Amino acid sequence: MRVAALSDIHGNLAALEAVVADLEREDVDGIVVVGDTISGPWPVEALELVASLGADVICGNADREVVMRSDRFGQLAPWCAARLGEECLERARQWPLTIELEVEGIGRVLACHSTPASDEPIYTQITPERELLELLGEVESDVVLCGHTHMQYDRLLSTGLRVVNPGSVGMPYEGRRGAYWALLGPDVDFRRTEYDVEGAVAAMRELDAPLSDEQLQLLLEPLDPETATAEFESLRGA
């Protein structure tokens, strides 16, 4: 079984469409979306495209904020919820916190947005192993597939547990423009798909979406992994 892992699309339809075009040239048996799909400029279109792929979709923290119509992080979540409407919101409410997969060459994969118990904890590829294991809890799988921090990495812990982040389709922190994702099986194959970022940002500016100039600038000039990692670790209190 070969699985495409996508995460943190954040309603960036142009990025998602470019990845889908790449997927059409790949031999994959399934697609898993590791959360944060509908919080962004094109929530309905992103939801419908993911559904059309027959993907297994996990609920991320930003998805949950949309479903709750929360204004905790500003007006984007309520704005997205209004566009989605009750039928689409109900579909998103059904997304689980975790999904289990069996991938040839990798083994048992537990997919979650952050940890199996919560979509919110922050950790990175340099988080001390003891703290990371405490966050993840007891995991019987061979691999934890996570998203949340928008950076690709593949980390093997001393326990034998492998933690893989496919990166972000919609807002990567890789120091380079593009849509980032991964193929799982028989190993982890990180991918980057190019798309017209400037055109996408121009189209976003024409919407009435409550997107800040800072958010849009991050698409044009993505944070590099070192800077993003340091910022996330500081948020953890490290």
Protein backbone atom coordinates (compact mmCIF):
# COMPACT_ATOMS: atom_id res chain seq x y z
CA MET A 1 0.00 0.00 0.00
CA ARG A 2 1.34 3.41 -1.02
CA VAL A 3 -0.25 6.45 0.62
CA ALA A 4 -0.03 10.15 -0.16
CA ALA A 5 0.12 12.26 3.00
CA LEU A 6 -1.11 15.85 2.80
CA SER A 7 -1.45 18.27 5.67
CA ASP A 8 -2.19 21.89 6.54
CA ILE A 9 -3.87 22.83 3.28
CA HIS A 10 -5.50 25.82 4.97
CA GLY A 11 -7.95 26.45 2.16
CA ASN A 12 -5.19 27.20 -0.35
CA LEU A 13 -6.96 25.85 -3.42
CA ALA A 14 -4.21 26.64 -5.93
CA ALA A 15 -1.65 24.71 -3.89
CA LEU A 16 -4.02 21.77 -3.42
CA GLU A 17 -4.92 21.62 -7.10
CA ALA A 18 -1.24 21.54 -8.02
CA VAL A 19 -0.61 18.64 -5.64
CA VAL A 20 -3.63 16.78 -7.02
CA ALA A 21 -2.21 17.18 -10.53
CA ASP A 22 1.05 15.61 -9.30
CA LEU A 23 -0.87 12.81 -7.60
CA GLU A 24 -2.54 11.90 -10.87
CA ARG A 25 0.93 10.91 -12.13
CA GLU A 26 1.62 8.72 -9.10
CA ASP A 27 0.56 5.18 -8.29
CA VAL A 28 -1.08 5.61 -4.90
CA ASP A 29 -3.53 3.39 -3.07
CA GLY A 30 -4.89 6.04 -0.77
CA ILE A 31 -4.66 9.62 0.46
CA VAL A 32 -4.69 10.82 4.05
CA VAL A 33 -5.09 14.49 4.96
CA VAL A 34 -3.55 15.17 8.36
CA GLY A 35 -5.70 18.12 9.40
CA ASP A 36 -6.23 21.85 8.89
CA THR A 37 -8.02 21.65 5.54
CA ILE A 38 -10.80 24.24 5.66
CA SER A 39 -9.34 27.22 7.53
CA GLY A 40 -8.34 29.51 4.68
CA PRO A 41 -9.47 31.48 1.65
CA TRP A 42 -11.31 28.68 -0.21
CA PRO A 43 -12.78 26.43 2.49
CA VAL A 44 -15.66 24.98 0.45
CA GLU A 45 -13.54 24.27 -2.60
CA ALA A 46 -10.80 22.63 -0.51
CA LEU A 47 -13.32 20.44 1.29
CA GLU A 48 -15.00 19.37 -1.94
CA LEU A 49 -11.72 18.60 -3.72
CA VAL A 50 -10.44 16.52 -0.83
CA ALA A 51 -13.76 14.66 -0.73
CA SER A 52 -13.61 14.00 -4.47
CA LEU A 53 -10.27 12.27 -3.96
CA GLY A 54 -11.79 9.81 -1.52
CA ALA A 55 -9.22 10.91 1.04
CA ASP A 56 -9.29 9.97 4.69
CA VAL A 57 -9.37 13.29 6.55
CA ILE A 58 -8.33 14.08 10.12
CA CYS A 59 -9.63 17.09 12.03
CA GLY A 60 -6.94 19.63 12.86
CA ASN A 61 -7.07 22.40 15.41
CA ALA A 62 -7.86 25.03 12.77
CA ASP A 63 -10.65 22.83 11.35
CA ARG A 64 -12.10 22.55 14.85
CA GLU A 65 -12.02 26.32 15.25
CA VAL A 66 -14.02 26.65 12.01
CA VAL A 67 -16.58 24.04 13.07
CA MET A 68 -17.00 25.86 16.40
CA ARG A 69 -17.18 29.24 14.63
CA SER A 70 -14.55 30.34 17.10
CA ASP A 71 -13.11 33.84 17.02
CA ARG A 72 -10.25 32.89 19.34
CA PHE A 73 -7.70 33.57 16.60
CA GLY A 74 -9.56 36.32 14.78
CA GLN A 75 -12.37 36.34 12.25
CA LEU A 76 -11.09 33.74 9.78
CA ALA A 77 -12.80 30.74 11.39
CA PRO A 78 -16.28 32.39 11.54
CA TRP A 79 -15.79 33.63 7.97
CA CYS A 80 -14.96 30.12 6.77
CA ALA A 81 -17.89 28.64 8.69
CA ALA A 82 -20.30 31.08 7.08
CA ARG A 83 -19.14 30.04 3.62
CA LEU A 84 -19.22 26.35 4.36
CA GLY A 85 -22.78 26.30 5.67
CA GLU A 86 -24.34 23.67 7.89
CA GLU A 87 -24.09 20.72 5.51
CA CYS A 88 -20.35 21.12 4.96
CA LEU A 89 -19.74 21.88 8.62
CA GLU A 90 -21.52 18.68 9.57
CA ARG A 91 -19.25 16.74 7.25
CA ALA A 92 -16.21 18.32 8.90
CA ARG A 93 -17.58 17.45 12.35
CA GLN A 94 -17.32 13.78 11.40
CA TRP A 95 -13.57 13.94 10.82
CA PRO A 96 -11.77 11.87 13.46
CA LEU A 97 -8.81 12.82 15.62
CA THR A 98 -6.76 9.82 14.44
CA ILE A 99 -6.63 7.33 11.59
CA GLU A 100 -4.68 4.05 11.55
CA LEU A 101 -3.06 2.76 8.38
CA GLU A 102 -0.88 -0.16 7.37
CA VAL A 103 1.78 0.85 4.86
CA GLU A 104 4.05 -1.70 3.24
CA GLY A 105 7.68 -1.09 4.10
CA ILE A 106 6.84 1.27 6.97
CA GLY A 107 4.40 -0.70 9.07
CA ARG A 108 1.59 0.52 11.26
CA VAL A 109 0.97 4.24 10.91
CA LEU A 110 -1.02 6.32 13.37
CA ALA A 111 -2.03 9.59 11.69
CA CYS A 112 -2.97 12.55 13.88
CA HIS A 113 -2.72 16.30 13.52
CA SER A 114 -0.56 16.73 16.62
CA THR A 115 -0.85 13.89 19.14
CA PRO A 116 -3.27 10.95 19.38
CA ALA A 117 -5.08 12.69 22.24
CA SER A 118 -5.13 16.31 21.09
CA ASP A 119 -4.79 18.47 17.97
CA GLU A 120 -3.04 21.33 19.81
CA PRO A 121 0.33 20.39 21.40
CA ILE A 122 3.36 21.84 19.67
CA TYR A 123 6.55 19.88 19.09
CA THR A 124 9.27 19.94 16.46
CA GLN A 125 12.07 17.77 15.16
CA ILE A 126 14.34 19.08 17.95
CA THR A 127 11.93 18.73 20.87
CA PRO A 128 13.73 16.62 23.52
CA GLU A 129 12.78 12.99 23.09
CA ARG A 130 11.61 12.53 26.68
CA GLU A 131 9.18 15.45 26.34
CA LEU A 132 7.99 14.26 22.94
CA LEU A 133 7.27 10.76 24.22
CA GLU A 134 5.29 12.23 27.10
CA LEU A 135 3.22 14.26 24.65
CA LEU A 136 2.55 11.32 22.35
CA GLY A 137 1.67 8.91 25.13
CA GLU A 138 1.57 5.16 24.56
CA VAL A 139 1.71 4.51 20.84
CA GLU A 140 1.65 0.95 19.55
CA SER A 141 2.20 1.91 15.93
CA ASP A 142 5.54 2.03 14.13
CA VAL A 143 5.04 5.55 12.81
CA VAL A 144 3.25 8.66 14.01
CA LEU A 145 2.24 10.77 11.02
CA CYS A 146 1.60 14.33 12.18
CA GLY A 147 1.13 17.84 10.81
CA HIS A 148 0.52 21.09 12.68
CA THR A 149 3.97 22.71 12.41
CA HIS A 150 4.16 23.01 8.60
CA MET A 151 7.66 21.51 8.21
CA GLN A 152 8.79 18.24 6.69
CA TYR A 153 10.86 15.91 8.84
CA ASP A 154 11.44 12.24 9.52
CA ARG A 155 12.65 11.49 13.04
CA LEU A 156 13.52 8.11 14.51
CA LEU A 157 13.31 7.95 18.31
CA SER A 158 15.41 5.65 20.49
CA THR A 159 12.27 3.61 21.24
CA GLY A 160 12.01 2.73 17.56
CA LEU A 161 9.03 5.01 17.02
CA ARG A 162 9.27 7.09 13.86
CA VAL A 163 7.69 10.55 13.71
CA VAL A 164 6.98 11.89 10.22
CA ASN A 165 5.62 15.29 9.22
CA PRO A 166 4.76 15.63 5.49
CA GLY A 167 4.93 19.43 5.65
CA SER A 168 2.26 21.88 4.60
CA VAL A 169 0.46 22.07 1.28
CA GLY A 170 -1.01 25.50 1.91
CA MET A 171 1.47 27.42 4.06
CA PRO A 172 4.89 25.77 4.34
CA TYR A 173 7.74 26.87 6.54
CA GLU A 174 10.48 25.53 4.30
CA GLY A 175 12.26 28.72 3.23
CA ARG A 176 11.07 28.12 -0.33
CA ARG A 177 7.74 28.54 -2.07
CA GLY A 178 5.67 25.53 -3.02
CA ALA A 179 3.26 22.92 -1.73
CA TYR A 180 4.88 20.26 0.45
CA TRP A 181 3.64 16.72 1.05
CA ALA A 182 4.90 13.12 1.18
CA LEU A 183 4.48 9.64 -0.21
CA LEU A 184 4.54 6.78 2.27
CA GLY A 185 5.63 3.33 1.13
CA PRO A 186 7.93 1.58 0.83
CA ASP A 187 9.71 4.44 2.66
CA VAL A 188 9.08 8.15 3.25
CA ASP A 189 9.45 10.22 0.08
CA PHE A 190 9.12 13.96 0.69
CA ARG A 191 7.72 15.96 -2.20
CA ARG A 192 7.49 19.61 -3.21
CA THR A 193 5.04 20.83 -5.89
CA GLU A 194 5.45 24.17 -7.57
CA TYR A 195 2.47 26.42 -8.30
CA ASP A 196 1.81 30.07 -9.10
CA VAL A 197 2.13 31.49 -5.60
CA GLU A 198 2.02 35.11 -6.71
CA GLY A 199 -1.16 34.45 -8.69
CA ALA A 200 -2.71 32.66 -5.72
CA VAL A 201 -1.88 35.53 -3.37
CA ALA A 202 -3.30 38.05 -5.84
CA ALA A 203 -6.54 36.05 -5.99
CA MET A 204 -6.64 35.87 -2.18
CA ARG A 205 -6.32 39.66 -1.98
CA GLU A 206 -9.43 39.98 -4.15
CA LEU A 207 -11.50 37.97 -1.69
CA ASP A 208 -13.16 39.45 1.35
CA ALA A 209 -11.45 36.87 3.53
CA PRO A 210 -9.96 38.25 6.75
CA LEU A 211 -6.40 37.36 5.82
CA SER A 212 -3.64 39.60 7.12
CA ASP A 213 -0.83 40.97 4.97
CA GLU A 214 1.54 38.99 7.20
CA GLN A 215 -0.22 35.71 6.37
CA LEU A 216 -0.10 36.42 2.65
CA GLN A 217 3.53 37.49 2.82
CA LEU A 218 4.41 34.15 4.40
CA LEU A 219 3.29 32.47 1.19
CA LEU A 220 5.54 34.71 -0.87
CA GLU A 221 8.46 34.55 1.56
CA PRO A 222 8.07 31.39 3.65
CA LEU A 223 9.83 31.08 6.98
CA ASP A 224 12.87 28.84 6.87
CA PRO A 225 12.70 25.67 8.99
CA GLU A 226 15.34 26.86 11.45
CA THR A 227 13.46 30.09 12.23
CA ALA A 228 10.09 28.35 12.40
CA THR A 229 11.47 25.61 14.64
CA ALA A 230 12.96 28.16 17.03
CA GLU A 231 9.65 30.05 17.17
CA PHE A 232 7.65 26.90 17.87
CA GLU A 233 10.08 25.77 20.54
CA SER A 234 9.77 29.16 22.22
CA LEU A 235 5.99 28.74 22.21
CA ARG A 236 6.51 25.43 23.98
CA GLY A 237 8.47 27.32 26.61
CA ALA A 238 11.72 25.62 25.66
